[in-house]
C-alpha atoms as a PDB file:
ATOM      1  CA  MET A   1       0.009  -0.016  -0.019  1.00  0.00           C
ATOM      2  CA  TRP A   2       1.393   3.382  -1.011  1.00  0.00           C
ATOM      3  CA  LYS A   3       1.794   5.938   1.733  1.00  0.00           C
ATOM      4  CA  PHE A   4       1.369   8.668  -0.896  1.00  0.00           C
ATOM      5  CA  ASP A   5      -0.908   8.598  -3.881  1.00  0.00           C
ATOM      6  CA  LEU A   6       0.652  10.245  -6.982  1.00  0.00           C
ATOM      7  CA  ASP A   7      -0.886  13.683  -6.329  1.00  0.00           C
ATOM      8  CA  ALA A   8       0.263  13.613  -2.704  1.00  0.00           C
ATOM      9  CA  ALA A   9       3.787  12.569  -3.802  1.00  0.00           C
ATOM     10  CA  LYS A  10       3.950  15.427  -6.334  1.00  0.00           C
ATOM     11  CA  SER A  11       2.755  17.901  -3.660  1.00  0.00           C
ATOM     12  CA  ALA A  12       5.279  16.565  -1.084  1.00  0.00           C
ATOM     13  CA  ILE A  13       8.128  16.940  -3.624  1.00  0.00           C
ATOM     14  CA  ARG A  14       7.094  20.543  -4.473  1.00  0.00           C
ATOM     15  CA  GLU A  15       6.715  21.442  -0.797  1.00  0.00           C
ATOM     16  CA  ILE A  16      10.199  20.174   0.000  1.00  0.00           C
ATOM     17  CA  LEU A  17      11.680  22.050  -2.978  1.00  0.00           C
ATOM     18  CA  HIS A  18       9.987  25.305  -1.901  1.00  0.00           C
ATOM     19  CA  SER A  19      10.871  24.962   1.785  1.00  0.00           C
ATOM     20  CA  PRO A  20      13.898  26.966   2.979  1.00  0.00           C
ATOM     21  CA  ARG A  21      14.833  23.840   5.044  1.00  0.00           C
ATOM     22  CA  GLY A  22      14.140  21.370   2.275  1.00  0.00           C
ATOM     23  CA  LEU A  23      17.012  19.191   1.121  1.00  0.00           C
ATOM     24  CA  VAL A  24      17.671  17.293  -2.090  1.00  0.00           C
ATOM     25  CA  PHE A  25      20.289  14.621  -1.444  1.00  0.00           C
ATOM     26  CA  SER A  26      22.016  12.465  -4.060  1.00  0.00           C
ATOM     27  CA  THR A  27      23.114   9.000  -3.088  1.00  0.00           C
ATOM     28  CA  ARG A  28      26.518   7.721  -4.101  1.00  0.00           C
ATOM     29  CA  HIS A  29      24.895   5.563  -6.807  1.00  0.00           C
ATOM     30  CA  CYS A  30      22.968   8.593  -8.136  1.00  0.00           C
ATOM     31  CA  LYS A  31      26.164  10.699  -8.267  1.00  0.00           C
ATOM     32  CA  GLU A  32      27.916   7.974 -10.245  1.00  0.00           C
ATOM     33  CA  ARG A  33      24.985   7.751 -12.701  1.00  0.00           C
ATOM     34  CA  MET A  34      24.845  11.531 -12.987  1.00  0.00           C
ATOM     35  CA  GLU A  35      28.477  11.630 -14.032  1.00  0.00           C
ATOM     36  CA  GLN A  36      28.042   8.778 -16.540  1.00  0.00           C
ATOM     37  CA  ARG A  37      25.005  10.410 -18.078  1.00  0.00           C
ATOM     38  CA  ASN A  38      26.167  14.067 -17.889  1.00  0.00           C
ATOM     39  CA  VAL A  39      23.298  15.027 -15.608  1.00  0.00           C
ATOM     40  CA  GLN A  40      23.721  18.053 -13.336  1.00  0.00           C
ATOM     41  CA  MET A  41      21.842  18.855 -10.155  1.00  0.00           C
ATOM     42  CA  ASP A  42      20.097  21.745 -11.987  1.00  0.00           C
ATOM     43  CA  ASP A  43      18.672  19.112 -14.397  1.00  0.00           C
ATOM     44  CA  ILE A  44      17.332  17.090 -11.498  1.00  0.00           C
ATOM     45  CA  LEU A  45      15.792  20.143  -9.786  1.00  0.00           C
ATOM     46  CA  HIS A  46      14.198  21.123 -13.136  1.00  0.00           C
ATOM     47  CA  LEU A  47      12.782  17.684 -13.508  1.00  0.00           C
ATOM     48  CA  LEU A  48      11.486  17.553  -9.897  1.00  0.00           C
ATOM     49  CA  PHE A  49       9.610  20.828 -10.427  1.00  0.00           C
ATOM     50  CA  TRP A  50       8.134  20.010 -13.844  1.00  0.00           C
ATOM     51  CA  GLY A  51       8.211  16.225 -14.269  1.00  0.00           C
ATOM     52  CA  THR A  52       5.470  13.615 -13.997  1.00  0.00           C
ATOM     53  CA  VAL A  53       5.490  11.549 -10.827  1.00  0.00           C
ATOM     54  CA  GLU A  54       4.963   7.777 -11.241  1.00  0.00           C
ATOM     55  CA  HIS A  55       4.981   4.863  -8.817  1.00  0.00           C
ATOM     56  CA  GLY A  56       8.335   3.095  -8.326  1.00  0.00           C
ATOM     57  CA  GLN A  57       8.725  -0.221 -10.058  1.00  0.00           C
ATOM     58  CA  ASP A  58      10.695  -2.276  -7.533  1.00  0.00           C
ATOM     59  CA  SER A  59       9.416  -4.358  -4.639  1.00  0.00           C
ATOM     60  CA  GLY A  60       9.486  -2.325  -1.430  1.00  0.00           C
ATOM     61  CA  ASP A  61       9.092   0.975  -3.200  1.00  0.00           C
ATOM     62  CA  ALA A  62       5.613   1.558  -1.823  1.00  0.00           C
ATOM     63  CA  GLU A  63       6.756   1.090   1.824  1.00  0.00           C
ATOM     64  CA  ARG A  64       9.739   3.406   1.272  1.00  0.00           C
ATOM     65  CA  ASN A  65       7.852   6.081  -0.664  1.00  0.00           C
ATOM     66  CA  VAL A  66      10.032   5.598  -3.743  1.00  0.00           C
ATOM     67  CA  PHE A  67       8.749   7.176  -6.936  1.00  0.00           C
ATOM     68  CA  ARG A  68       9.983   7.861 -10.478  1.00  0.00           C
ATOM     69  CA  VAL A  69       9.859  11.406 -11.834  1.00  0.00           C
ATOM     70  CA  ARG A  70       9.825  11.432 -15.640  1.00  0.00           C
ATOM     71  CA  GLY A  71      10.292  14.388 -17.967  1.00  0.00           C
ATOM     72  CA  ALA A  72      13.125  16.348 -19.461  1.00  0.00           C
ATOM     73  CA  ASP A  73      16.320  18.024 -18.327  1.00  0.00           C
ATOM     74  CA  ILE A  74      17.037  21.751 -18.875  1.00  0.00           C
ATOM     75  CA  GLU A  75      18.065  21.090 -22.465  1.00  0.00           C
ATOM     76  CA  GLY A  76      14.895  19.142 -23.154  1.00  0.00           C
ATOM     77  CA  GLU A  77      16.552  15.687 -23.160  1.00  0.00           C
ATOM     78  CA  PRO A  78      14.487  12.839 -21.643  1.00  0.00           C
ATOM     79  CA  LEU A  79      15.344  12.170 -18.001  1.00  0.00           C
ATOM     80  CA  VAL A  80      13.996   9.911 -15.202  1.00  0.00           C
ATOM     81  CA  VAL A  81      14.957  10.313 -11.551  1.00  0.00           C
ATOM     82  CA  VAL A  82      14.150   7.732  -8.895  1.00  0.00           C
ATOM     83  CA  VAL A  83      13.445   9.502  -5.619  1.00  0.00           C
ATOM     84  CA  GLU A  84      12.627   8.596  -2.050  1.00  0.00           C
ATOM     85  CA  ILE A  85      10.405  11.140  -0.257  1.00  0.00           C
ATOM     86  CA  LEU A  86      11.302  11.650   3.421  1.00  0.00           C
ATOM     87  CA  GLN A  87       8.641  14.218   4.274  1.00  0.00           C
ATOM     88  CA  GLU A  88       9.258  14.110   8.013  1.00  0.00           C
ATOM     89  CA  GLU A  89      12.873  15.012   7.429  1.00  0.00           C
ATOM     90  CA  ASN A  90      11.909  17.571   4.659  1.00  0.00           C
ATOM     91  CA  ARG A  91      14.247  15.674   2.307  1.00  0.00           C
ATOM     92  CA  ILE A  92      14.245  14.044  -1.105  1.00  0.00           C
ATOM     93  CA  ASN A  93      16.824  11.304  -1.726  1.00  0.00           C
ATOM     94  CA  CYS A  94      17.750  10.936  -5.358  1.00  0.00           C
ATOM     95  CA  ILE A  95      18.530   7.274  -5.817  1.00  0.00           C
ATOM     96  CA  SER A  96      19.267   6.998  -9.544  1.00  0.00           C
ATOM     97  CA  VAL A  97      18.946   8.797 -12.846  1.00  0.00           C
ATOM     98  CA  PHE A  98      18.541   7.470 -16.355  1.00  0.00           C
END
């Protein structure tokens, strides 16, 4: 069972992004993938603001509030970011990009 429906997940992401205390954290795996795919943090932030939120596709994603955000980077290239929403901590963990 999802803790957030898709609209609530989108709202939580936007609230964290707009909060002065909100954090967007990239995991080690995400940083490696960002380097491999020439993705900058500005691309991820752009996507988080404007992308479409979808349910995660792996087992356990529902319990961990893991979602995929799909859209385009700043240059308009397709981009997907896998994120974990930690609303209580006012934080978004970026797990991977592709």
